[in-house]
Amino acid sequence: MRFTSPPNPQAYYEQVWNLVRQIPRGKVAAYGQIALMLPPPNGVDFESYKAFGPRWVGGAMAACPDDVPWQRVINAQGKISDRPGAERQRQLLEEEGIVFVNDKVDMKKYGWRGPGDEVRQESLF
């Protein structure tokens, strides 16, 4: 099944934003990592969710409110995706103490492991 957006985008986005708000200063997470920390929306099988979830997280980050630390979500390679705002994102991360080497973040050093399992068990769907 192909999903271009989550069945209930606003509810999914809010769940993404709530999770991203928990990423501490000086840490980053990947789009796919954020997706896998959340349960698939109702009606979406896990394999489809694994394929489309990172894109949905990207959509949520593109539409996030001002209080969401959007700069802390980067791609799985530890890089900032090439798009408008990339320079600002890097600047904000460097201000938080994150060091880039060859335009990459060391995910082992700066990667956020996520909240406790209790967040993953909750769902707004």
Foldseek 3Di string as FASTA:
>chain_A
DADPEAPDLVQVLVLLQVFQLPQDQQAAEELLRSQVLADRPPPADPVNSSVCRSVSSVVSLVVDDPSGLSLRYDHPQQAHDPDPCRVVSVVRNVVSVFDDDPRGTDCVVRYDPGDDSVSRVDGPD
